[in-house]
Structure formats: C-alpha cells, structure tokens
PDB file of N, CA and C in Angstrom:
ATOM      1  N   UNK A   1       0.904  -1.116  -0.163  1.00  0.00           N
ATOM      2  CA  UNK A   1       0.066  -0.019   0.170  1.00  0.00           C
ATOM      3  C   UNK A   1       0.748   1.256  -0.188  1.00  0.00           C
ATOM      4  N   UNK A   2       0.582   2.236  -1.060  1.00  0.00           N
ATOM      5  CA  UNK A   2       1.353   3.526  -1.192  1.00  0.00           C
ATOM      6  C   UNK A   2       0.984   4.159   0.241  1.00  0.00           C
ATOM      7  N   UNK A   3       2.382   5.010   1.150  1.00  0.00           N
ATOM      8  CA  UNK A   3       2.084   5.445   1.997  1.00  0.00           C
ATOM      9  C   UNK A   3       1.152   6.912   2.241  1.00  0.00           C
ATOM     10  N   UNK A   4       0.276   6.575   2.689  1.00  0.00           N
ATOM     11  CA  UNK A   4      -0.630   7.691   2.727  1.00  0.00           C
ATOM     12  C   UNK A   4      -0.611   8.950   3.113  1.00  0.00           C
ATOM     13  N   UNK A   5       0.394   9.177   4.327  1.00  0.00           N
ATOM     14  CA  UNK A   5       0.795  10.322   5.025  1.00  0.00           C
ATOM     15  C   UNK A   5       1.548  10.918   3.544  1.00  0.00           C
ATOM     16  N   UNK A   6       2.404  10.405   3.019  1.00  0.00           N
ATOM     17  CA  UNK A   6       3.313  10.878   2.060  1.00  0.00           C
ATOM     18  C   UNK A   6       2.077  11.700   0.601  1.00  0.00           C
ATOM     19  N   UNK A   7       1.274  10.357   0.478  1.00  0.00           N
ATOM     20  CA  UNK A   7      -0.028  11.060  -0.600  1.00  0.00           C
ATOM     21  C   UNK A   7      -0.723  12.258   0.096  1.00  0.00           C
ATOM     22  N   UNK A   8      -1.101  12.140   1.124  1.00  0.00           N
ATOM     23  CA  UNK A   8      -1.791  13.411   2.215  1.00  0.00           C
ATOM     24  C   UNK A   8      -1.049  14.840   2.006  1.00  0.00           C
ATOM     25  N   UNK A   9       0.351  14.441   2.209  1.00  0.00           N
ATOM     26  CA  UNK A   9       0.995  16.116   1.977  1.00  0.00           C
ATOM     27  C   UNK A   9       1.348  16.450   0.703  1.00  0.00           C
ATOM     28  N   UNK A  10       1.318  15.664  -0.585  1.00  0.00           N
ATOM     29  CA  UNK A  10       1.299  15.942  -1.864  1.00  0.00           C
ATOM     30  C   UNK A  10      -0.373  16.704  -2.268  1.00  0.00           C
ATOM     31  N   UNK A  11      -1.126  15.994  -1.786  1.00  0.00           N
ATOM     32  CA  UNK A  11      -2.790  16.438  -1.903  1.00  0.00           C
ATOM     33  C   UNK A  11      -2.608  18.063  -1.285  1.00  0.00           C
ATOM     34  N   UNK A  12      -2.291  17.574  -0.038  1.00  0.00           N
ATOM     35  CA  UNK A  12      -2.040  19.436   0.614  1.00  0.00           C
ATOM     36  C   UNK A  12      -1.648  20.653  -0.091  1.00  0.00           C
ATOM     37  N   UNK A  13      -0.548  20.064  -0.651  1.00  0.00           N
ATOM     38  CA  UNK A  13       0.369  20.955  -1.865  1.00  0.00           C
ATOM     39  C   UNK A  13      -0.300  21.681  -2.886  1.00  0.00           C
ATOM     40  N   UNK A  14      -1.065  20.120  -3.716  1.00  0.00           N
ATOM     41  CA  UNK A  14      -2.015  20.625  -4.792  1.00  0.00           C
ATOM     42  C   UNK A  14      -3.044  21.626  -4.395  1.00  0.00           C
ATOM     43  N   UNK A  15      -3.544  21.194  -3.168  1.00  0.00           N
ATOM     44  CA  UNK A  15      -4.974  21.919  -2.957  1.00  0.00           C
ATOM     45  C   UNK A  15      -4.954  23.102  -2.149  1.00  0.00           C
ATOM     46  N   UNK A  16      -3.544  23.482  -1.670  1.00  0.00           N
ATOM     47  CA  UNK A  16      -3.594  24.589  -1.009  1.00  0.00           C
ATOM     48  C   UNK A  16      -4.204  24.437   0.401  1.00  0.00           C
ATOM     49  N   UNK A  17      -4.899  23.120   0.716  1.00  0.00           N
ATOM     50  CA  UNK A  17      -5.843  23.342   2.034  1.00  0.00           C
ATOM     51  C   UNK A  17      -4.807  23.106   3.216  1.00  0.00           C
ATOM     52  N   UNK A  18      -5.478  23.451   4.665  1.00  0.00           N
ATOM     53  CA  UNK A  18      -4.392  23.170   5.572  1.00  0.00           C
ATOM     54  C   UNK A  18      -4.932  21.546   5.904  1.00  0.00           C
ATOM     55  N   UNK A  19      -4.099  21.408   6.629  1.00  0.00           N
ATOM     56  CA  UNK A  19      -4.038  20.120   7.477  1.00  0.00           C
ATOM     57  C   UNK A  19      -5.335  20.070   8.422  1.00  0.00           C
ATOM     58  N   UNK A  20      -5.926  20.668   8.642  1.00  0.00           N
ATOM     59  CA  UNK A  20      -6.835  20.141   9.339  1.00  0.00           C
ATOM     60  C   UNK A  20      -8.074  20.480   8.222  1.00  0.00           C
ATOM     61  N   UNK A  21      -8.385  21.251   7.167  1.00  0.00           N
ATOM     62  CA  UNK A  21      -9.151  21.008   6.199  1.00  0.00           C
ATOM     63  C   UNK A  21      -9.210  19.885   5.313  1.00  0.00           C
ATOM     64  N   UNK A  22      -7.830  19.494   5.370  1.00  0.00           N
ATOM     65  CA  UNK A  22      -7.438  18.143   4.448  1.00  0.00           C
ATOM     66  C   UNK A  22      -7.984  16.894   5.059  1.00  0.00           C
ATOM     67  N   UNK A  23      -8.044  16.675   6.364  1.00  0.00           N
ATOM     68  CA  UNK A  23      -8.844  15.882   7.095  1.00  0.00           C
ATOM     69  C   UNK A  23     -10.005  15.132   6.568  1.00  0.00           C
ATOM     70  N   UNK A  24     -10.820  16.323   6.290  1.00  0.00           N
ATOM     71  CA  UNK A  24     -12.010  16.061   5.787  1.00  0.00           C
ATOM     72  C   UNK A  24     -12.171  14.978   4.290  1.00  0.00           C
ATOM     73  N   UNK A  25     -11.026  14.811   3.740  1.00  0.00           N
ATOM     74  CA  UNK A  25     -10.753  14.306   2.556  1.00  0.00           C
ATOM     75  C   UNK A  25      -9.829  12.798   2.373  1.00  0.00           C
ATOM     76  N   UNK A  26      -9.442  13.342   3.965  1.00  0.00           N
ATOM     77  CA  UNK A  26      -8.926  11.420   4.039  1.00  0.00           C
ATOM     78  C   UNK A  26      -9.273  10.156   2.863  1.00  0.00           C
ATOM     79  N   UNK A  27     -10.971  10.130   3.514  1.00  0.00           N
ATOM     80  CA  UNK A  27     -11.684   8.730   2.632  1.00  0.00           C
ATOM     81  C   UNK A  27     -11.363   9.113   1.521  1.00  0.00           C
ATOM     82  N   UNK A  28     -11.253   9.703   0.661  1.00  0.00           N
ATOM     83  CA  UNK A  28     -11.051  10.356  -0.780  1.00  0.00           C
ATOM     84  C   UNK A  28      -9.788  10.123  -1.134  1.00  0.00           C
ATOM     85  N   UNK A  29      -8.697  10.778  -0.479  1.00  0.00           N
ATOM     86  CA  UNK A  29      -7.135  10.269  -0.532  1.00  0.00           C
ATOM     87  C   UNK A  29      -7.362   8.723  -0.368  1.00  0.00           C
ATOM     88  N   UNK A  30      -7.726   8.017   0.497  1.00  0.00           N
ATOM     89  CA  UNK A  30      -7.443   6.837   0.626  1.00  0.00           C
ATOM     90  C   UNK A  30      -7.945   5.565  -0.633  1.00  0.00           C
ATOM     91  N   UNK A  31      -9.465   6.179  -0.620  1.00  0.00           N
ATOM     92  CA  UNK A  31      -9.977   5.740  -2.244  1.00  0.00           C
ATOM     93  C   UNK A  31      -9.357   5.787  -3.516  1.00  0.00           C
ATOM     94  N   UNK A  32      -8.699   6.859  -3.801  1.00  0.00           N
ATOM     95  CA  UNK A  32      -7.916   6.876  -4.986  1.00  0.00           C
ATOM     96  C   UNK A  32      -6.821   6.765  -4.587  1.00  0.00           C
ATOM     97  N   UNK A  33      -5.975   6.238  -3.433  1.00  0.00           N
ATOM     98  CA  UNK A  33      -4.548   5.335  -3.113  1.00  0.00           C
ATOM     99  C   UNK A  33      -5.133   4.158  -3.334  1.00  0.00           C
ATOM    100  N   UNK A  34      -5.991   3.448  -3.487  1.00  0.00           N
ATOM    101  CA  UNK A  34      -6.440   2.367  -3.788  1.00  0.00           C
ATOM    102  C   UNK A  34      -6.853   1.946  -5.113  1.00  0.00           C
ATOM    103  N   UNK A  35      -7.452   2.788  -5.824  1.00  0.00           N
ATOM    104  CA  UNK A  35      -7.437   2.786  -7.010  1.00  0.00           C
ATOM    105  C   UNK A  35      -6.117   2.717  -7.813  1.00  0.00           C
ATOM    106  N   UNK A  36      -5.326   3.443  -7.401  1.00  0.00           N
ATOM    107  CA  UNK A  36      -4.123   3.480  -8.165  1.00  0.00           C
ATOM    108  C   UNK A  36      -3.140   2.228  -8.188  1.00  0.00           C
ATOM    109  N   UNK A  37      -3.154   1.740  -6.666  1.00  0.00           N
ATOM    110  CA  UNK A  37      -2.697   0.604  -6.319  1.00  0.00           C
ATOM    111  C   UNK A  37      -3.121  -0.498  -6.993  1.00  0.00           C
ATOM    112  N   UNK A  38      -4.278  -0.394  -7.484  1.00  0.00           N
ATOM    113  CA  UNK A  38      -5.190  -1.662  -7.738  1.00  0.00           C
ATOM    114  C   UNK A  38      -4.252  -1.756  -9.540  1.00  0.00           C
ATOM    115  N   UNK A  39      -4.107  -0.847 -10.085  1.00  0.00           N
ATOM    116  CA  UNK A  39      -3.521  -0.310 -11.424  1.00  0.00           C
ATOM    117  C   UNK A  39      -2.176  -1.288 -11.561  1.00  0.00           C
ATOM    118  N   UNK A  40      -1.425  -0.791 -10.428  1.00  0.00           N
ATOM    119  CA  UNK A  40      -0.038  -1.127 -10.420  1.00  0.00           C
ATOM    120  C   UNK A  40       0.486  -2.638 -10.854  1.00  0.00           C
ATOM    121  N   UNK A  41       1.099  -2.971 -11.730  1.00  0.00           N
ATOM    122  CA  UNK A  41       1.873  -4.322 -12.015  1.00  0.00           C
ATOM    123  C   UNK A  41       2.754  -5.198 -11.056  1.00  0.00           C
ATOM    124  N   UNK A  42       3.320  -4.069 -10.276  1.00  0.00           N
ATOM    125  CA  UNK A  42       4.927  -4.423  -9.621  1.00  0.00           C
ATOM    126  C   UNK A  42       4.497  -3.877  -7.965  1.00  0.00           C
ATOM    127  N   UNK A  43       4.140  -4.692  -6.962  1.00  0.00           N
ATOM    128  CA  UNK A  43       4.232  -3.951  -5.739  1.00  0.00           C
ATOM    129  C   UNK A  43       5.400  -3.392  -5.048  1.00  0.00           C
ATOM    130  N   UNK A  44       6.343  -3.518  -5.815  1.00  0.00           N
ATOM    131  CA  UNK A  44       7.758  -2.590  -5.365  1.00  0.00           C
ATOM    132  C   UNK A  44       7.456  -1.261  -5.735  1.00  0.00           C
ATOM    133  N   UNK A  45       6.619  -0.877  -6.683  1.00  0.00           N
ATOM    134  CA  UNK A  45       6.723   0.203  -7.210  1.00  0.00           C
ATOM    135  C   UNK A  45       5.543   1.084  -6.354  1.00  0.00           C
ATOM    136  N   UNK A  46       4.680   0.977  -5.360  1.00  0.00           N
ATOM    137  CA  UNK A  46       3.653   1.580  -4.537  1.00  0.00           C
ATOM    138  C   UNK A  46       4.387   2.970  -3.833  1.00  0.00           C
ATOM    139  N   UNK A  47       5.512   2.760  -3.615  1.00  0.00           N
ATOM    140  CA  UNK A  47       5.816   4.107  -2.936  1.00  0.00           C
ATOM    141  C   UNK A  47       6.917   5.068  -3.739  1.00  0.00           C
ATOM    142  N   UNK A  48       7.054   4.764  -4.868  1.00  0.00           N
ATOM    143  CA  UNK A  48       7.964   5.630  -5.612  1.00  0.00           C
ATOM    144  C   UNK A  48       7.292   7.222  -5.747  1.00  0.00           C
ATOM    145  N   UNK A  49       7.875   8.148  -6.083  1.00  0.00           N
ATOM    146  CA  UNK A  49       7.214   9.298  -5.879  1.00  0.00           C
ATOM    147  C   UNK A  49       6.590   9.750  -6.733  1.00  0.00           C
ATOM    148  N   UNK A  50       6.402   9.012  -7.797  1.00  0.00           N
ATOM    149  CA  UNK A  50       5.780   9.395  -9.222  1.00  0.00           C
ATOM    150  C   UNK A  50       4.179   8.604  -8.549  1.00  0.00           C
ATOM    151  N   UNK A  51       4.406   7.382  -8.282  1.00  0.00           N
ATOM    152  CA  UNK A  51       3.163   7.004  -7.618  1.00  0.00           C
ATOM    153  C   UNK A  51       2.307   7.839  -6.679  1.00  0.00           C
ATOM    154  N   UNK A  52       3.021   8.145  -5.653  1.00  0.00           N
ATOM    155  CA  UNK A  52       2.744   8.685  -4.798  1.00  0.00           C
ATOM    156  C   UNK A  52       1.865  10.282  -4.956  1.00  0.00           C
ATOM    157  N   UNK A  53       2.563  10.973  -5.984  1.00  0.00           N
ATOM    158  CA  UNK A  53       2.263  12.089  -6.537  1.00  0.00           C
ATOM    159  C   UNK A  53       1.063  11.927  -7.608  1.00  0.00           C
ATOM    160  N   UNK A  54       0.565  10.380  -8.338  1.00  0.00           N
ATOM    161  CA  UNK A  54       0.080   9.988  -8.906  1.00  0.00           C
ATOM    162  C   UNK A  54      -1.222   9.782  -8.073  1.00  0.00           C
ATOM    163  N   UNK A  55      -1.277   9.274  -6.838  1.00  0.00           N
ATOM    164  CA  UNK A  55      -2.339   9.224  -6.030  1.00  0.00           C
ATOM    165  C   UNK A  55      -2.758  10.707  -5.497  1.00  0.00           C
ATOM    166  N   UNK A  56      -2.177  11.229  -5.301  1.00  0.00           N
ATOM    167  CA  UNK A  56      -2.516  12.635  -4.812  1.00  0.00           C
ATOM    168  C   UNK A  56      -3.244  13.082  -5.930  1.00  0.00           C
ATOM    169  N   UNK A  57      -2.540  13.426  -6.786  1.00  0.00           N
ATOM    170  CA  UNK A  57      -3.106  14.028  -8.184  1.00  0.00           C
ATOM    171  C   UNK A  57      -4.895  13.424  -8.685  1.00  0.00           C
ATOM    172  N   UNK A  58      -4.683  12.282  -8.212  1.00  0.00           N
ATOM    173  CA  UNK A  58      -6.120  11.428  -8.610  1.00  0.00           C
ATOM    174  C   UNK A  58      -7.276  12.175  -7.443  1.00  0.00           C
ATOM    175  N   UNK A  59      -6.941  12.401  -6.198  1.00  0.00           N
ATOM    176  CA  UNK A  59      -7.667  12.848  -5.200  1.00  0.00           C
ATOM    177  C   UNK A  59      -7.872  14.150  -5.376  1.00  0.00           C
ATOM    178  N   UNK A  60      -6.831  15.122  -5.788  1.00  0.00           N
ATOM    179  CA  UNK A  60      -7.009  16.334  -6.062  1.00  0.00           C
ATOM    180  C   UNK A  60      -8.042  16.624  -7.298  1.00  0.00           C
ATOM    181  N   UNK A  61      -8.137  15.889  -8.128  1.00  0.00           N
ATOM    182  CA  UNK A  61      -9.139  15.871  -9.284  1.00  0.00           C
ATOM    183  C   UNK A  61     -10.355  15.581  -8.546  1.00  0.00           C
ATOM    184  N   UNK A  62     -11.008  14.812  -7.905  1.00  0.00           N
ATOM    185  CA  UNK A  62     -11.754  14.117  -7.207  1.00  0.00           C
ATOM    186  C   UNK A  62     -12.123  15.489  -6.780  1.00  0.00           C
ATOM    187  N   UNK A  63     -11.469  15.877  -6.172  1.00  0.00           N
ATOM    188  CA  UNK A  63     -11.673  17.384  -5.079  1.00  0.00           C
ATOM    189  C   UNK A  63     -12.383  18.254  -5.812  1.00  0.00           C
ATOM    190  N   UNK A  64     -11.701  18.450  -6.739  1.00  0.00           N
ATOM    191  CA  UNK A  64     -11.879  19.676  -7.310  1.00  0.00           C
ATOM    192  C   UNK A  64     -13.573  19.334  -8.471  1.00  0.00           C
ATOM    193  N   UNK A  65     -13.664  18.482  -8.451  1.00  0.00           N
ATOM    194  CA  UNK A  65     -14.688  18.069  -9.031  1.00  0.00           C
ATOM    195  C   UNK A  65     -15.635  18.351  -8.332  1.00  0.00           C
ATOM    196  N   UNK A  66     -15.989  17.519  -7.216  1.00  0.00           N
ATOM    197  CA  UNK A  66     -16.887  17.664  -6.010  1.00  0.00           C
ATOM    198  C   UNK A  66     -16.733  19.054  -5.537  1.00  0.00           C
ATOM    199  N   UNK A  67     -16.116  20.274  -5.506  1.00  0.00           N
ATOM    200  CA  UNK A  67     -16.121  21.802  -5.057  1.00  0.00           C
ATOM    201  C   UNK A  67     -16.251  22.653  -6.393  1.00  0.00           C
ATOM    202  N   UNK A  68     -16.277  22.293  -7.556  1.00  0.00           N
ATOM    203  CA  UNK A  68     -16.156  23.363  -8.632  1.00  0.00           C
ATOM    204  C   UNK A  68     -17.559  23.903  -8.900  1.00  0.00           C
ATOM    205  N   UNK A  69     -18.621  23.676  -7.952  1.00  0.00           N
ATOM    206  CA  UNK A  69     -20.277  24.189  -8.221  1.00  0.00           C
ATOM    207  C   UNK A  69     -20.446  25.267  -7.699  1.00  0.00           C
ATOM    208  N   UNK A  70     -19.308  25.633  -6.532  1.00  0.00           N
ATOM    209  CA  UNK A  70     -19.523  26.603  -5.660  1.00  0.00           C
ATOM    210  C   UNK A  70     -19.826  28.148  -6.725  1.00  0.00           C
ATOM    211  N   UNK A  71     -20.927  28.984  -6.730  1.00  0.00           N
ATOM    212  CA  UNK A  71     -21.009  30.401  -7.438  1.00  0.00           C
ATOM    213  C   UNK A  71     -21.525  29.833  -8.585  1.00  0.00           C
ATOM    214  N   UNK A  72     -22.351  28.510  -8.886  1.00  0.00           N
ATOM    215  CA  UNK A  72     -22.935  28.573 -10.059  1.00  0.00           C
ATOM    216  C   UNK A  72     -23.981  28.452  -9.887  1.00  0.00           C
ATOM    217  N   UNK A  73     -25.042  29.351 -10.422  1.00  0.00           N
ATOM    218  CA  UNK A  73     -26.234  29.316 -10.026  1.00  0.00           C
ATOM    219  C   UNK A  73     -27.489  29.120 -10.886  1.00  0.00           C
ATOM    220  N   UNK A  74     -27.004  29.212 -12.470  1.00  0.00           N
ATOM    221  CA  UNK A  74     -27.627  28.823 -13.259  1.00  0.00           C
ATOM    222  C   UNK A  74     -27.121  28.695 -14.543  1.00  0.00           C
ATOM    223  N   UNK A  75     -27.584  27.628 -15.484  1.00  0.00           N
ATOM    224  CA  UNK A  75     -26.775  27.301 -17.102  1.00  0.00           C
ATOM    225  C   UNK A  75     -27.660  27.454 -17.850  1.00  0.00           C
ATOM    226  N   UNK A  76     -27.357  27.359 -19.167  1.00  0.00           N
ATOM    227  CA  UNK A  76     -27.957  27.440 -20.364  1.00  0.00           C
ATOM    228  C   UNK A  76     -27.439  26.250 -21.370  1.00  0.00           C
ATOM    229  N   UNK A  77     -28.214  25.487 -21.714  1.00  0.00           N
ATOM    230  CA  UNK A  77     -27.652  24.138 -22.576  1.00  0.00           C
ATOM    231  C   UNK A  77     -28.679  24.035 -23.604  1.00  0.00           C
ATOM    232  N   UNK A  78     -28.446  24.870 -24.818  1.00  0.00           N
ATOM    233  CA  UNK A  78     -29.943  24.710 -25.905  1.00  0.00           C
ATOM    234  C   UNK A  78     -30.996  25.391 -25.272  1.00  0.00           C
ATOM    235  N   UNK A  79     -31.557  24.250 -25.470  1.00  0.00           N
ATOM    236  CA  UNK A  79     -33.216  24.868 -25.010  1.00  0.00           C
ATOM    237  C   UNK A  79     -33.430  24.974 -23.325  1.00  0.00           C
ATOM    238  N   UNK A  80     -32.510  23.999 -22.754  1.00  0.00           N
ATOM    239  CA  UNK A  80     -32.869  23.907 -21.300  1.00  0.00           C
ATOM    240  C   UNK A  80     -31.923  24.766 -20.363  1.00  0.00           C
ATOM    241  N   UNK A  81     -32.645  25.432 -19.209  1.00  0.00           N
ATOM    242  CA  UNK A  81     -32.386  26.495 -18.719  1.00  0.00           C
ATOM    243  C   UNK A  81     -32.189  25.888 -17.198  1.00  0.00           C
ATOM    244  N   UNK A  82     -31.439  25.975 -16.393  1.00  0.00           N
ATOM    245  CA  UNK A  82     -31.295  25.634 -14.957  1.00  0.00           C
ATOM    246  C   UNK A  82     -31.037  26.601 -14.041  1.00  0.00           C
ATOM    247  N   UNK A  83     -32.157  27.148 -13.534  1.00  0.00           N
ATOM    248  CA  UNK A  83     -31.775  28.206 -12.438  1.00  0.00           C
ATOM    249  C   UNK A  83     -31.646  27.645 -11.113  1.00  0.00           C
ATOM    250  N   UNK A  84     -31.020  27.922 -10.124  1.00  0.00           N
ATOM    251  CA  UNK A  84     -30.828  27.616  -8.340  1.00  0.00           C
ATOM    252  C   UNK A  84     -31.424  28.895  -7.616  1.00  0.00           C
ATOM    253  N   UNK A  85     -32.254  29.140  -6.925  1.00  0.00           N
ATOM    254  CA  UNK A  85     -32.496  30.116  -6.447  1.00  0.00           C
ATOM    255  C   UNK A  85     -32.164  29.782  -5.140  1.00  0.00           C
ATOM    256  N   UNK A  86     -31.337  30.597  -4.594  1.00  0.00           N
ATOM    257  CA  UNK A  86     -30.706  30.818  -3.150  1.00  0.00           C
ATOM    258  C   UNK A  86     -32.067  31.153  -2.088  1.00  0.00           C
ATOM    259  N   UNK A  87     -32.478  30.874  -1.240  1.00  0.00           N
ATOM    260  CA  UNK A  87     -33.281  31.401  -0.320  1.00  0.00           C
ATOM    261  C   UNK A  87     -32.376  31.811   0.900  1.00  0.00           C
ATOM    262  N   UNK A  88     -32.522  33.044   1.131  1.00  0.00           N
ATOM    263  CA  UNK A  88     -32.113  33.627   2.359  1.00  0.00           C
ATOM    264  C   UNK A  88     -33.150  34.291   3.069  1.00  0.00           C
ATOM    265  N   UNK A  89     -33.152  33.674   4.513  1.00  0.00           N
ATOM    266  CA  UNK A  89     -34.144  34.526   5.328  1.00  0.00           C
ATOM    267  C   UNK A  89     -34.163  35.838   5.687  1.00  0.00           C
TER     268      UNK A  89
END
C-alpha cells in the first residue's frame, strides 16, 4: 500500500488546504490511493515518488470535481435552462 501520509502531504500541496481542512478528504485520498494501487503491476513500485504523486493528483482531481459548483447558480444548454434560487431568510 502506498504511504498515505506522503499522499496526503502532496494533496495538501496541490489543494492549498490546511492540515485540518484536508482531514475531511482523507477517505477520498484513501479511495484514490487504493484505485492507483490496483492498477500497479509491480507491488514494489507503490511508494515511488511518481506513484505517490499520481495518487495525490487523482485525489485532488476528485476534490476539484466535488467542489467546482460553488458560485454557479444557473446555466443554459440549448433549450434547457437551470436556475438555482438561493433562499435567504
């Protein structure tokens, strides 16, 4: 198994999150590390710097996908229009 401490350190570097904020994404980091490890043909490669960084990059990619909708309240695709109205009491 790839060293999750190293992966988390690279994830923090990529995301610019604090250590505390990154704790919320530990399961995401673990999941992406497991995925990358499943693709490796040689178990001896799992702690090479390139593999560690790839795990962190995959986790960061998923992080970006899950957090990219902030600030988007509407969009139009052809005839379809979506508007999200934010209710503020």
